[in-house]
Amino acid sequence: MISMQEIFKFDRERIDPDGNVVGEFKPSGIRPKISDHLQRHGIDLGEVLFSQPTKNSKPNEPSMARTW
């Protein structure tokens, strides 16, 4: 069974004077299982990439991510 879930969400902050959308991609906290497979083969994506910031975490500090 294949399950599709959003691993990143784009939060639009504003539209600049030139009409460009300004925002950022934020992790949903879900870490794809393929990341474990990649890590076993020497490709480390790091926990920070998929971690959702907590209220007490500092910017760029890893937090726990869920695996599906």
Protein backbone atom coordinates (compact mmCIF):
# COMPACT_ATOMS: atom_id res chain seq x y z
CA MET A 1 0.00 0.00 0.00
CA ILE A 2 1.30 3.45 -0.89
CA SER A 3 0.47 6.29 1.46
CA MET A 4 0.85 9.92 0.43
CA GLN A 5 1.32 12.54 3.11
CA GLU A 6 2.55 16.10 3.10
CA ILE A 7 6.13 16.23 4.42
CA PHE A 8 6.54 19.97 3.81
CA LYS A 9 4.01 22.79 3.81
CA PHE A 10 4.56 26.14 2.11
CA ASP A 11 3.54 28.99 4.39
CA ARG A 12 2.88 32.06 2.28
CA GLU A 13 3.77 35.21 4.18
CA ARG A 14 3.02 37.88 1.61
CA ILE A 15 3.22 38.95 -2.01
CA ASP A 16 5.96 41.50 -2.69
CA PRO A 17 5.46 44.65 -4.83
CA ASP A 18 6.70 42.76 -7.93
CA GLY A 19 4.01 40.09 -7.50
CA ASN A 20 6.36 37.39 -6.17
CA VAL A 21 5.09 35.09 -3.44
CA VAL A 22 7.26 35.28 -0.33
CA GLY A 23 7.21 32.46 2.19
CA GLU A 24 8.96 29.34 3.35
CA PHE A 25 8.62 25.58 3.33
CA LYS A 26 8.13 24.13 6.80
CA PRO A 27 8.42 20.45 7.72
CA SER A 28 5.22 18.74 8.83
CA GLY A 29 7.13 16.51 11.27
CA ILE A 30 6.61 13.38 9.17
CA ARG A 31 9.83 11.67 8.09
CA PRO A 32 9.54 9.30 5.10
CA LYS A 33 10.71 5.72 5.68
CA ILE A 34 12.97 5.94 2.62
CA SER A 35 15.26 8.19 4.67
CA ASP A 36 16.24 5.16 6.81
CA HIS A 37 17.06 3.18 3.66
CA LEU A 38 19.11 6.06 2.27
CA GLN A 39 21.01 6.42 5.54
CA ARG A 40 21.96 2.72 5.49
CA HIS A 41 23.47 3.39 2.06
CA GLY A 42 25.49 6.40 3.17
CA ILE A 43 23.07 9.21 2.36
CA ASP A 44 22.19 11.09 5.54
CA LEU A 45 19.37 13.59 5.16
CA GLY A 46 19.60 14.56 8.82
CA GLU A 47 16.78 14.80 11.33
CA VAL A 48 16.55 18.58 11.12
CA LEU A 49 15.25 18.43 7.54
CA PHE A 50 11.99 16.72 8.58
CA SER A 51 11.72 17.87 12.20
CA GLN A 52 9.00 20.18 13.32
CA PRO A 53 10.20 22.95 15.65
CA THR A 54 8.89 22.75 19.20
CA LYS A 55 7.92 25.69 21.37
CA ASN A 56 11.14 25.31 23.39
CA SER A 57 13.50 24.61 20.48
CA LYS A 58 15.89 27.17 19.13
CA PRO A 59 16.06 27.89 15.37
CA ASN A 60 17.79 25.05 13.46
CA GLU A 61 17.70 22.82 16.54
CA PRO A 62 16.47 19.28 15.78
CA SER A 63 13.23 18.05 17.29
CA MET A 64 11.60 14.63 17.12
CA ALA A 65 10.08 13.67 13.77
CA ARG A 66 7.37 11.08 13.18
CA THR A 67 7.99 8.23 10.77
CA TRP A 68 5.26 6.81 8.57
